[in-house]
Protein backbone atom coordinates (compact mmCIF):
# COMPACT_ATOMS: atom_id res chain seq x y z
CA MET A 1 0.00 0.00 0.00
CA ILE A 2 2.89 2.32 0.68
CA ALA A 3 4.01 1.81 -2.92
CA HIS A 4 0.58 3.09 -3.97
CA GLY A 5 0.73 6.39 -2.09
CA VAL A 6 -0.22 5.54 1.50
CA ALA A 7 1.87 7.82 3.74
CA GLU A 8 2.12 5.38 6.64
CA MET A 9 0.78 1.90 7.21
CA LEU A 10 0.34 0.38 10.63
CA VAL A 11 -0.07 -3.36 10.99
CA ALA A 12 -1.36 -5.38 13.91
CA HIS A 13 -1.64 -9.14 13.63
CA ARG A 14 -1.25 -12.14 15.90
CA ASN A 15 1.16 -13.72 13.38
CA GLN A 16 4.45 -11.94 14.01
CA ASP A 17 6.02 -13.34 10.81
CA PHE A 18 3.28 -11.54 8.87
CA VAL A 19 3.96 -8.32 10.80
CA ALA A 20 7.70 -8.63 10.15
CA ARG A 21 7.13 -9.16 6.42
CA LEU A 22 5.00 -6.01 6.17
CA ALA A 23 7.45 -4.07 8.33
CA LYS A 24 10.18 -4.89 5.79
CA GLY A 25 7.97 -3.19 3.20
CA GLY A 26 7.72 -0.03 5.29
CA ALA A 27 4.78 -0.69 7.61
CA ARG A 28 5.00 0.10 11.32
CA ALA A 29 4.15 -2.69 13.74
CA ALA A 30 1.52 -1.72 16.30
CA ASP A 31 -0.88 -3.35 18.69
CA LEU A 32 -4.61 -3.20 17.96
CA LYS A 33 -5.26 -0.39 20.46
CA THR A 34 -2.55 1.82 18.87
CA LEU A 35 -3.68 1.00 15.35
CA LEU A 36 -7.28 1.99 16.11
CA ALA A 37 -6.14 5.13 17.94
CA GLU A 38 -3.88 6.35 15.13
CA ALA A 39 -5.13 5.01 11.78
CA ASP A 40 -7.41 7.18 9.67
CA VAL A 41 -8.39 4.16 7.58
CA VAL A 42 -8.78 0.76 9.26
CA ILE A 43 -8.85 -2.31 7.01
CA SER A 44 -9.56 -5.46 8.96
CA ALA A 45 -9.88 -9.02 7.67
CA THR A 46 -9.20 -10.99 10.83
CA GLY A 47 -12.18 -13.33 10.88
CA VAL A 48 -12.87 -12.24 14.46
CA PRO A 49 -16.46 -10.95 14.78
CA GLY A 50 -16.77 -8.02 17.19
CA LEU A 51 -13.01 -7.40 17.37
CA ILE A 52 -13.42 -3.64 16.85
CA LYS A 53 -15.38 -2.14 19.73
CA LYS A 54 -17.49 0.97 19.20
CA GLU A 55 -15.48 2.76 21.89
CA SER A 56 -12.36 2.35 19.72
CA VAL A 57 -13.83 4.11 16.67
CA ARG A 58 -12.66 7.71 16.24
CA LYS A 59 -14.70 10.51 14.72
CA GLY A 60 -14.05 10.67 10.97
CA GLN A 61 -12.35 7.26 10.72
CA ILE A 62 -12.99 4.98 7.77
CA ILE A 63 -13.64 1.38 8.82
CA LEU A 64 -13.50 -1.48 6.31
CA ALA A 65 -14.33 -4.57 8.38
CA LEU A 66 -13.98 -7.14 5.62
CA SER A 67 -14.39 -10.52 7.32
CA ASN A 68 -17.20 -12.74 6.11
CA PRO A 69 -19.78 -13.76 7.09
CA GLU A 70 -19.50 -11.66 10.27
CA ALA A 71 -17.45 -8.49 10.32
CA GLU A 72 -15.21 -7.13 13.05
CA ILE A 73 -17.79 -4.37 13.64
CA ASP A 74 -21.21 -3.74 12.16
CA PRO A 75 -21.13 -0.68 9.85
CA GLU A 76 -24.12 0.90 11.58
CA VAL A 77 -22.34 0.61 14.94
CA ALA A 78 -19.15 2.14 13.51
CA LEU A 79 -21.09 5.01 11.93
CA ALA A 80 -23.01 5.67 15.14
CA ALA A 81 -19.65 5.75 16.98
CA GLY A 82 -18.35 8.48 14.66
CA ALA A 83 -16.87 6.75 11.62
CA SER A 84 -17.33 8.79 8.44
CA PHE A 85 -17.62 5.62 6.35
CA ALA A 86 -17.96 1.96 7.25
CA ALA A 87 -18.40 -1.14 5.12
CA THR A 88 -18.13 -4.89 5.44
CA GLY A 89 -16.82 -7.63 3.19
CA LYS A 90 -20.37 -8.22 2.06
CA SER A 91 -20.56 -4.75 0.54
CA VAL A 92 -16.96 -4.39 -0.62
CA ASN A 93 -15.53 -7.82 -1.46
CA ASN A 94 -18.71 -9.69 -2.34
CA HIS A 95 -20.44 -6.83 -4.10
CA LEU A 96 -17.67 -4.87 -5.85
CA ALA A 97 -14.71 -7.20 -6.35
CA PHE A 98 -15.66 -10.85 -6.50
CA PRO A 99 -18.16 -10.88 -9.40
CA GLY A 100 -15.70 -9.37 -11.87
CA LEU A 101 -12.60 -10.96 -10.35
CA PHE A 102 -14.04 -14.46 -10.62
CA ARG A 103 -15.49 -13.81 -14.06
CA GLY A 104 -12.09 -12.61 -15.27
CA ALA A 105 -10.41 -15.69 -13.81
CA LEU A 106 -12.94 -17.97 -15.51
CA GLU A 107 -12.63 -16.17 -18.83
CA ALA A 108 -8.84 -16.51 -18.72
CA GLN A 109 -9.11 -20.12 -17.55
CA SER A 110 -6.78 -19.04 -14.77
CA ASP A 111 -5.40 -21.62 -12.38
CA ARG A 112 -5.29 -19.06 -9.55
CA ILE A 113 -6.33 -15.63 -8.32
CA SER A 114 -2.97 -13.85 -8.24
CA ALA A 115 -1.97 -10.68 -6.43
CA ALA A 116 -1.67 -8.98 -9.82
CA MET A 117 -5.27 -9.94 -10.64
CA LYS A 118 -6.49 -8.52 -7.30
CA LEU A 119 -4.56 -5.29 -7.85
CA ALA A 120 -5.92 -4.99 -11.41
CA ALA A 121 -9.45 -5.50 -10.05
CA ALA A 122 -8.87 -2.86 -7.37
CA GLU A 123 -7.61 -0.38 -9.96
CA ALA A 124 -10.67 -1.03 -12.14
CA ILE A 125 -12.94 -0.44 -9.14
CA LEU A 126 -11.06 2.78 -8.39
CA ALA A 127 -11.51 3.94 -11.99
CA HIS A 128 -15.29 3.69 -11.50
CA THR A 129 -15.29 5.49 -8.15
CA PRO A 130 -16.51 9.09 -8.47
CA GLU A 131 -14.22 11.76 -7.06
CA GLY A 132 -15.02 12.31 -3.41
CA ALA A 133 -16.67 8.89 -3.02
CA LEU A 134 -15.17 5.81 -1.41
CA THR A 135 -16.94 3.21 -3.52
CA PRO A 136 -18.53 3.11 -6.97
CA ASP A 137 -22.09 2.10 -7.79
CA GLY A 138 -22.07 -1.67 -7.32
CA LEU A 139 -25.06 -2.01 -9.65
CA ASP A 140 -23.15 -0.50 -12.59
CA ARG A 141 -22.72 -3.33 -15.12
CA ALA A 142 -19.75 -1.54 -16.71
CA LEU A 143 -17.92 -1.71 -13.36
CA HIS A 144 -18.13 -5.50 -13.25
CA GLU A 145 -17.24 -5.82 -16.94
CA ASP A 146 -14.14 -3.67 -16.44
CA VAL A 147 -13.10 -5.58 -13.30
CA ALA A 148 -13.47 -8.86 -15.23
CA LYS A 149 -11.44 -7.50 -18.14
CA ALA A 150 -8.68 -6.25 -15.85
CA ALA A 151 -8.51 -9.54 -13.94
CA ARG A 152 -8.54 -11.55 -17.18
CA GLU A 153 -5.73 -9.48 -18.70
CA ALA A 154 -3.65 -9.75 -15.51
CA ALA A 155 -4.11 -13.53 -15.46
CA ILE A 156 -3.02 -13.83 -19.08
CA ALA A 157 -0.07 -11.44 -18.57
CA GLY A 158 0.99 -13.46 -15.51
CA GLY A 159 0.90 -16.73 -17.43
CA HIS A 160 -1.79 -18.21 -15.21
CA THR A 161 -4.01 -19.53 -17.99
CA ARG A 162 -4.52 -23.23 -18.52
CA SER A 163 -4.59 -22.85 -22.28
CA LYS A 164 -1.31 -22.15 -24.05
CA ARG A 165 -3.29 -20.44 -26.83
CA GLY A 166 -4.94 -18.05 -24.38
CA ALA A 167 -8.42 -19.35 -25.22
CA ARG A 168 -11.05 -18.07 -22.87
CA ALA A 169 -14.63 -18.74 -21.97
CA THR A 170 -16.88 -15.73 -22.24
CA LEU A 171 -20.35 -15.16 -20.93
CA LEU A 172 -23.01 -14.01 -23.33
CA TRP A 173 -25.94 -12.30 -21.66
CA ASN A 174 -29.33 -12.15 -23.28
CA ALA A 175 -32.09 -9.70 -22.39
CA SER A 176 -33.35 -11.95 -19.59
CA GLY A 177 -29.98 -11.75 -17.84
CA LYS A 178 -29.26 -15.46 -18.25
CA GLY A 179 -25.78 -16.36 -19.44
CA ALA A 180 -24.42 -19.05 -21.70
CA ALA A 181 -20.74 -20.00 -21.77
CA THR A 182 -19.03 -20.02 -25.15
CA LYS A 183 -15.47 -20.62 -26.23
CA LYS A 184 -13.43 -17.99 -28.10
């Protein structure tokens, strides 16, 4: 994240090897209390429901509690505690990223979801996010098409396709919204 313009990144995790790896990349190790007290944007994917207490949320903070199916804090609780924006994995990962990311992987016949594919998907989502907003319209079909295209291209560029010819399955949508797989 630092390579993408984040001024400072704090990391708190129970796995100290993970913390050390991120610290080598420029992050500062912190405990959870310090991280919540200092971070303007909190991104949490711990899998621990209720980890972030409403008393820890600062006014104006952005909270992305991304664990599924239960987040570290409910967005309504975070907003009531003063967060300026709060979202869960259901609204961010499941709604904005996964449809296009998985479609792109399927179209490329990718054998994995690589870091490059995730970054390409994130950049496509960012490109659809209006200035001053934190997320784009998740119901915008063009968003999901662009995320799929970006993920597909990253998979192909990374050599993660099963086909040496780069053949891909594409989804054709008719007016009813039902898809049929075809080979190109």
